[in-house]
Protein backbone atom coordinates (compact mmCIF):
# COMPACT_ATOMS: atom_id res chain seq x y z
CA UNK A 1 19.35 -9.65 11.43
CA UNK A 2 15.75 -9.85 12.65
CA UNK A 3 14.94 -9.46 16.22
CA UNK A 4 12.14 -12.01 15.89
CA UNK A 5 10.47 -14.31 13.19
CA UNK A 6 6.77 -14.91 13.52
CA UNK A 7 4.34 -17.19 11.60
CA UNK A 8 1.63 -15.50 9.54
CA UNK A 9 -1.25 -16.81 11.57
CA UNK A 10 0.43 -15.63 14.75
CA UNK A 11 0.93 -12.04 13.50
CA UNK A 12 -2.59 -11.97 11.95
CA UNK A 13 -4.04 -13.17 15.50
CA UNK A 14 -2.00 -10.44 17.42
CA UNK A 15 -3.16 -7.61 15.02
CA UNK A 16 -6.83 -8.78 15.40
CA UNK A 17 -6.47 -8.98 19.18
CA UNK A 18 -5.18 -5.36 19.26
CA UNK A 19 -8.17 -4.13 16.92
CA UNK A 20 -10.74 -6.14 19.04
CA UNK A 21 -9.67 -4.57 22.02
CA UNK A 22 -10.44 -1.19 20.61
CA UNK A 23 -13.89 -2.26 19.76
CA UNK A 24 -13.75 -2.94 16.19
CA UNK A 25 -16.29 -5.62 15.02
CA UNK A 26 -14.73 -9.06 14.68
CA UNK A 27 -15.22 -9.35 10.95
CA UNK A 28 -13.57 -5.95 10.47
CA UNK A 29 -10.82 -6.77 12.59
CA UNK A 30 -10.11 -10.06 11.14
CA UNK A 31 -10.12 -8.50 7.52
CA UNK A 32 -7.78 -5.82 8.39
CA UNK A 33 -5.40 -8.12 10.38
CA UNK A 34 -5.25 -10.46 7.42
CA UNK A 35 -4.34 -7.69 4.99
CA UNK A 36 -1.78 -6.25 7.27
CA UNK A 37 -0.24 -9.52 7.90
CA UNK A 38 -0.11 -10.20 4.24
CA UNK A 39 1.65 -6.89 3.77
CA UNK A 40 4.54 -8.27 6.00
CA UNK A 41 4.32 -11.75 4.45
CA UNK A 42 5.22 -10.25 0.88
CA UNK A 43 7.96 -8.26 2.47
CA UNK A 44 6.06 -4.63 2.46
CA UNK A 45 7.35 -4.06 5.87
CA UNK A 46 6.82 -0.32 5.71
CA UNK A 47 3.09 -0.91 5.46
CA UNK A 48 2.40 -3.99 7.62
CA UNK A 49 2.41 -4.45 11.32
CA UNK A 50 4.76 -1.47 11.82
CA UNK A 51 1.76 0.66 11.25
CA UNK A 52 -0.37 -0.89 14.04
CA UNK A 53 0.63 1.49 16.85
CA UNK A 54 -0.23 4.45 14.65
CA UNK A 55 -3.56 2.98 13.74
CA UNK A 56 -4.49 2.24 17.25
CA UNK A 57 -3.34 5.69 18.27
CA UNK A 58 -5.86 7.13 15.73
CA UNK A 59 -8.54 5.08 16.82
CA UNK A 60 -8.02 5.81 20.52
CA UNK A 61 -7.94 9.60 19.57
CA UNK A 62 -11.09 9.40 17.61
CA UNK A 63 -9.46 9.95 14.28
CA UNK A 64 -10.86 6.72 12.80
CA UNK A 65 -14.64 5.55 12.78
CA UNK A 66 -14.54 1.93 14.11
CA UNK A 67 -18.45 1.49 13.00
CA UNK A 68 -18.33 3.13 9.66
CA UNK A 69 -21.29 3.17 7.06
CA UNK A 70 -19.21 2.35 3.91
CA UNK A 71 -21.66 3.12 0.96
CA UNK A 72 -21.83 3.99 -2.72
CA UNK A 73 -22.70 7.60 -3.24
CA UNK A 74 -22.37 7.83 -6.98
CA UNK A 75 -22.88 5.00 -9.42
CA UNK A 76 -23.16 4.27 -13.22
CA UNK A 77 -22.77 1.02 -14.91
CA UNK A 78 -18.97 0.97 -15.15
CA UNK A 79 -18.05 3.34 -12.19
CA UNK A 80 -18.92 4.14 -8.70
CA UNK A 81 -17.79 6.36 -5.81
CA UNK A 82 -17.47 4.85 -2.39
CA UNK A 83 -17.70 6.91 0.72
CA UNK A 84 -15.74 5.28 3.46
CA UNK A 85 -17.25 7.18 6.40
CA UNK A 86 -13.73 7.60 7.84
CA UNK A 87 -13.34 3.82 8.37
CA UNK A 88 -10.10 1.91 8.25
CA UNK A 89 -8.83 2.16 4.64
CA UNK A 90 -8.45 -1.53 4.44
CA UNK A 91 -12.08 -2.03 4.60
CA UNK A 92 -12.94 0.87 2.35
CA UNK A 93 -10.55 -0.23 -0.44
CA UNK A 94 -11.65 -3.80 -0.27
CA UNK A 95 -15.32 -2.81 -0.79
CA UNK A 96 -14.17 -0.79 -3.74
CA UNK A 97 -12.09 -3.57 -5.40
CA UNK A 98 -15.06 -6.00 -4.92
CA UNK A 99 -17.59 -3.64 -6.39
CA UNK A 100 -15.02 -3.00 -9.32
CA UNK A 101 -14.72 -6.73 -9.97
CA UNK A 102 -18.60 -7.27 -9.97
CA UNK A 103 -19.05 -4.24 -12.36
CA UNK A 104 -16.23 -5.51 -14.68
CA UNK A 105 -17.90 -8.88 -15.23
CA UNK A 106 -20.87 -6.91 -16.82
CA UNK A 107 -19.05 -3.94 -18.38
CA UNK A 108 -15.59 -5.39 -19.26
CA UNK A 109 -13.86 -2.51 -17.40
CA UNK A 110 -14.86 -0.61 -14.18
CA UNK A 111 -13.35 2.27 -12.20
CA UNK A 112 -14.20 2.76 -8.54
CA UNK A 113 -13.12 5.75 -6.45
CA UNK A 114 -12.90 6.11 -2.69
CA UNK A 115 -13.28 9.09 -0.48
CA UNK A 116 -13.18 9.57 3.24
CA UNK A 117 -10.99 6.50 3.47
CA UNK A 118 -7.70 6.12 5.42
CA UNK A 119 -4.31 4.58 4.91
CA UNK A 120 -4.93 1.07 3.64
CA UNK A 121 -1.49 -0.55 3.38
CA UNK A 122 0.48 -1.66 0.21
CA UNK A 123 -1.07 -0.76 -3.13
CA UNK A 124 -0.22 -4.27 -4.42
CA UNK A 125 -2.67 -5.90 -2.12
CA UNK A 126 -5.49 -4.61 -3.91
CA UNK A 127 -4.14 -4.67 -7.56
CA UNK A 128 -3.65 -8.32 -7.01
CA UNK A 129 -7.09 -9.22 -5.94
CA UNK A 130 -8.68 -9.13 -9.55
CA UNK A 131 -6.16 -11.75 -10.58
CA UNK A 132 -8.30 -14.42 -8.95
CA UNK A 133 -10.89 -13.60 -11.27
CA UNK A 134 -9.00 -13.59 -14.59
CA UNK A 135 -8.96 -9.75 -14.33
CA UNK A 136 -6.42 -6.99 -14.51
CA UNK A 137 -6.09 -4.55 -11.64
CA UNK A 138 -4.68 -1.01 -11.72
CA UNK A 139 -4.68 0.86 -8.48
CA UNK A 140 -3.85 4.42 -7.45
CA UNK A 141 -3.71 6.27 -4.25
CA UNK A 142 -3.10 9.54 -2.59
CA UNK A 143 -0.29 9.08 0.28
CA UNK A 144 -1.31 9.97 3.83
CA UNK A 145 1.12 12.89 4.25
CA UNK A 146 2.69 15.14 1.90
CA UNK A 147 6.58 14.55 1.47
CA UNK A 148 7.16 15.84 -2.04
CA UNK A 149 7.33 19.33 -3.24
CA UNK A 150 6.51 20.54 -6.71
CA UNK A 151 9.81 20.20 -8.91
CA UNK A 152 12.04 22.95 -7.99
CA UNK A 153 10.03 23.98 -4.83
CA UNK A 154 10.26 23.30 -1.20
CA UNK A 155 6.63 23.43 -0.11
CA UNK A 156 5.40 19.72 0.38
CA UNK A 157 2.19 19.67 -1.57
CA UNK A 158 2.26 16.21 -3.02
CA UNK A 159 2.67 12.71 -1.37
CA UNK A 160 4.23 9.49 -2.59
CA UNK A 161 0.96 8.69 -4.51
CA UNK A 162 1.51 5.04 -5.36
CA UNK A 163 0.64 3.10 -8.41
CA UNK A 164 0.22 -0.75 -8.62
CA UNK A 165 -0.80 -2.97 -11.36
CA UNK A 166 -1.50 -6.64 -11.32
CA UNK A 167 -1.45 -8.80 -14.56
CA UNK A 168 -2.15 -12.44 -14.42
CA UNK A 169 -0.21 -15.23 -15.97
CA UNK A 170 -0.77 -18.81 -16.72
CA UNK A 171 2.40 -20.70 -15.11
CA UNK A 172 4.69 -17.81 -14.13
CA UNK A 173 3.90 -15.64 -11.08
CA UNK A 174 1.67 -12.71 -11.88
CA UNK A 175 3.37 -9.40 -12.90
CA UNK A 176 2.69 -7.05 -9.95
CA UNK A 177 4.03 -3.51 -10.10
CA UNK A 178 3.94 -1.61 -6.82
CA UNK A 179 5.65 1.77 -6.80
CA UNK A 180 5.57 4.94 -5.22
CA UNK A 181 6.06 8.02 -7.50
CA UNK A 182 8.92 9.01 -5.16
CA UNK A 183 12.17 7.15 -5.09
CA UNK A 184 11.12 5.50 -1.84
CA UNK A 185 7.89 5.35 -0.15
CA UNK A 186 7.91 6.99 3.18
CA UNK A 187 6.91 3.62 4.90
CA UNK A 188 10.65 2.51 3.84
CA UNK A 189 11.94 5.55 5.81
CA UNK A 190 10.02 4.59 8.76
CA UNK A 191 11.16 0.95 8.38
CA UNK A 192 14.76 2.06 8.22
CA UNK A 193 14.40 4.22 11.35
CA UNK A 194 13.01 1.28 13.23
CA UNK A 195 15.70 -1.07 12.03
CA UNK A 196 18.34 1.50 13.11
CA UNK A 197 19.55 1.76 9.47
CA UNK A 198 20.55 4.54 7.37
CA UNK A 199 18.86 5.45 4.05
CA UNK A 200 20.88 5.14 0.70
CA UNK A 201 21.52 8.39 -1.03
CA UNK A 202 18.96 9.41 -3.52
CA UNK A 203 15.98 8.96 -1.29
CA UNK A 204 15.88 12.33 0.40
CA UNK A 205 17.45 15.63 0.37
CA UNK A 206 17.42 18.39 2.96
CA UNK A 207 16.31 21.94 2.33
CA UNK A 208 19.89 23.03 1.01
CA UNK A 209 19.54 20.18 -1.62
CA UNK A 210 22.09 17.93 0.12
CA UNK A 211 21.65 14.24 0.65
CA UNK A 212 19.76 13.30 3.79
CA UNK A 213 20.70 9.80 5.03
CA UNK A 214 19.42 9.79 8.59
CA UNK A 215 15.83 8.40 8.68
CA UNK A 216 15.35 10.05 12.04
CA UNK A 217 15.96 13.45 10.47
CA UNK A 218 13.28 12.95 7.67
CA UNK A 219 11.40 15.81 8.92
CA UNK A 220 14.31 18.19 7.91
CA UNK A 221 13.87 17.42 4.18
CA UNK A 222 11.66 15.88 1.65
CA UNK A 223 11.61 12.69 -0.69
CA UNK A 224 12.81 12.82 -4.11
CA UNK A 225 10.42 11.81 -7.30
CA UNK A 226 11.36 9.21 -9.54
CA UNK A 227 12.85 10.39 -12.76
CA UNK A 228 13.06 14.00 -11.63
CA UNK A 229 10.42 16.38 -12.99
CA UNK A 230 8.60 13.32 -14.61
CA UNK A 231 8.04 11.70 -11.35
CA UNK A 232 6.75 15.00 -10.04
CA UNK A 233 4.29 15.10 -12.86
CA UNK A 234 3.35 11.47 -12.31
CA UNK A 235 2.72 12.07 -8.71
CA UNK A 236 0.35 14.97 -9.58
CA UNK A 237 -1.77 12.97 -12.07
CA UNK A 238 -2.12 10.13 -9.77
CA UNK A 239 -3.21 12.47 -7.06
CA UNK A 240 -5.88 14.07 -9.35
CA UNK A 241 -7.21 10.69 -10.31
CA UNK A 242 -7.08 9.05 -6.96
CA UNK A 243 -8.00 12.10 -4.89
CA UNK A 244 -9.51 14.96 -6.66
CA UNK A 245 -11.78 13.02 -9.06
CA UNK A 246 -13.61 11.17 -6.25
CA UNK A 247 -13.65 14.26 -4.06
CA UNK A 248 -10.90 13.20 -1.73
CA UNK A 249 -8.16 15.26 -0.20
CA UNK A 250 -5.19 16.46 -2.41
CA UNK A 251 -2.59 19.09 -2.04
CA UNK A 252 -2.76 21.44 1.03
CA UNK A 253 -5.97 19.31 2.11
CA UNK A 254 -4.06 16.19 2.92
CA UNK A 255 -3.65 15.46 6.56
CA UNK A 256 -0.34 14.19 7.91
CA UNK A 257 -1.58 11.11 9.62
CA UNK A 258 2.02 10.64 11.09
CA UNK A 259 1.50 13.80 13.13
CA UNK A 260 -2.23 14.38 13.55
CA UNK A 261 -4.11 11.54 15.03
CA UNK A 262 -7.50 13.23 15.36
CA UNK A 263 -8.37 15.02 12.03
CA UNK A 264 -10.33 13.17 9.31
CA UNK A 265 -7.81 12.45 6.47
CA UNK A 266 -10.27 12.04 3.64
CA UNK A 267 -8.03 9.66 1.88
CA UNK A 268 -8.68 8.82 -1.88
CA UNK A 269 -7.83 5.75 -3.63
CA UNK A 270 -9.02 4.38 -7.06
CA UNK A 271 -9.23 0.90 -8.63
CA UNK A 272 -9.58 0.13 -12.28
CA UNK A 273 -10.42 -3.46 -13.18
CA UNK A 274 -10.26 -4.90 -16.55
CA UNK A 275 -11.95 -8.27 -17.46
CA UNK A 276 -9.70 -10.30 -19.75
CA UNK A 277 -12.62 -12.08 -21.10
CA UNK A 278 -13.85 -8.82 -22.81
CA UNK A 279 -10.82 -8.79 -24.92
CA UNK A 280 -10.75 -12.57 -25.79
CA UNK A 281 -9.81 -15.99 -24.17
CA UNK A 282 -8.11 -15.14 -20.73
CA UNK A 283 -5.83 -18.20 -21.26
CA UNK A 284 -4.60 -16.87 -24.38
CA UNK A 285 -3.69 -13.68 -22.75
CA UNK A 286 -1.92 -15.36 -19.80
CA UNK A 287 0.14 -17.68 -21.84
CA UNK A 288 1.12 -14.60 -24.03
CA UNK A 289 2.27 -13.09 -20.51
CA UNK A 290 4.25 -16.15 -19.75
CA UNK A 291 6.12 -15.88 -23.02
CA UNK A 292 6.92 -12.36 -22.44
CA UNK A 293 8.03 -12.96 -18.91
CA UNK A 294 10.43 -15.77 -20.07
CA UNK A 295 11.82 -13.59 -22.81
CA UNK A 296 12.66 -10.76 -20.51
CA UNK A 297 14.00 -13.04 -17.76
CA UNK A 298 16.17 -14.89 -20.47
CA UNK A 299 17.45 -11.67 -22.01
CA UNK A 300 21.45 -11.18 -22.32
CA UNK A 301 22.58 -9.76 -19.14
CA UNK A 302 25.11 -7.12 -18.50
CA UNK A 303 28.27 -8.14 -16.64
CA UNK A 304 27.86 -8.84 -12.93
CA UNK A 305 24.14 -9.19 -13.27
CA UNK A 306 23.17 -12.58 -11.78
CA UNK A 307 19.40 -12.50 -12.70
CA UNK A 308 16.76 -10.22 -14.38
CA UNK A 309 13.86 -9.74 -12.19
CA UNK A 310 10.10 -9.03 -13.13
CA UNK A 311 7.90 -6.77 -11.17
CA UNK A 312 6.50 -8.69 -8.30
CA UNK A 313 8.81 -11.63 -8.37
CA UNK A 314 10.89 -10.95 -5.36
CA UNK A 315 7.54 -10.34 -3.25
CA UNK A 316 6.32 -13.71 -4.79
CA UNK A 317 9.35 -15.43 -3.50
CA UNK A 318 9.22 -13.73 -0.14
CA UNK A 319 5.69 -15.01 0.14
CA UNK A 320 6.83 -18.63 -0.14
CA UNK A 321 9.95 -18.22 1.98
CA UNK A 322 8.17 -16.32 4.79
CA UNK A 323 5.11 -18.78 4.76
CA UNK A 324 7.60 -21.63 5.21
CA UNK A 325 10.18 -20.01 7.57
CA UNK A 326 8.11 -17.12 9.24
CA UNK A 327 8.18 -13.29 8.88
CA UNK A 328 11.18 -11.45 10.27
CA UNK A 329 10.58 -8.43 12.37
CA UNK A 330 13.13 -5.72 13.23
CA UNK A 331 14.00 -5.08 17.00
CA UNK A 332 12.37 -1.63 16.69
CA UNK A 333 9.20 -3.04 15.59
CA UNK A 334 9.10 -5.93 18.15
CA UNK A 335 9.75 -3.47 20.92
CA UNK A 336 7.03 -1.02 19.70
CA UNK A 337 4.70 -4.11 19.55
CA UNK A 338 5.66 -5.26 22.99
CA UNK A 339 4.74 -1.74 24.46
CA UNK A 340 1.50 -1.56 22.50
CA UNK A 341 0.40 -5.13 23.95
CA UNK A 342 1.12 -3.83 27.36
CA UNK A 343 -0.95 -0.77 26.83
CA UNK A 344 -3.82 -2.72 25.40
CA UNK A 345 -3.83 -5.50 27.78
CA UNK A 346 -3.32 -8.22 25.27
CA UNK A 347 -0.88 -11.09 25.08
CA UNK A 348 2.38 -9.86 23.58
CA UNK A 349 3.52 -11.19 19.97
CA UNK A 350 6.75 -12.67 21.02
């Protein structure tokens, strides 16, 4: 059971107040707060307000630039590289997505990479943004700490390296895939720890290859890739595309921002945007997506299966439910936010 339930606007206002207290410009504080609260609104509780104390700690330690000069450093008609100047990742990636959308209108497809960025929350926030423009979004990122060794090894040289895709539909909810290349994102491990819950078997193993279930002992092992060696390969490719290609950190160069609050992370992300109009009438495509979604949902089910879900449907339902009833927060998160409010001299959330 949640320790508290809060409205979206109240959560956003609290996050904004925290950032304003640390000197972030008002427009930047508002934008980051809105994206963080939206993460909790859709149930991505490993990447929302739970991260606020960590962000504030990095800002206070000088690990994040609160007045970045976010700019394009390389550009052609259908691509660009955005240097985030070590600013908040939410700001850097938002600029990259907006630029990719603008370019895709002219070129049909556009790729924008980021470097010198930071943790930016759940990948789906950015893959979803092109949907408002009848465009497809594909997002890739290098995780902000290495939790995955190469297949068969024990040196953690790769991260969860997420992938997200946003595909618009006409009447159905958009198809939105958001997945780590590990069985679970590390944010989910942190959320389990704050909730006082154990991890299911299959998320992590220890250095003897045995299941690791206690999230408070996560440092004693590592995450498992999806699909065994295939997930390891996918994590590597995503890291090369999102990190190495744009000049961002990868492999041994990745900074563990859970433990190091000072060093520049040089996080890399990439967004690929496809304009549906370049391929035909967007409405024809979206109606075709509707048909496929209904066919999949209506497929004959195995015994005991109540419903077939499409990627993003459960997050869509949470958005609707939490918008009406409030966003649930665990006791551990509420306690951390209350402590943070006292330290910053701002009004507590609850």
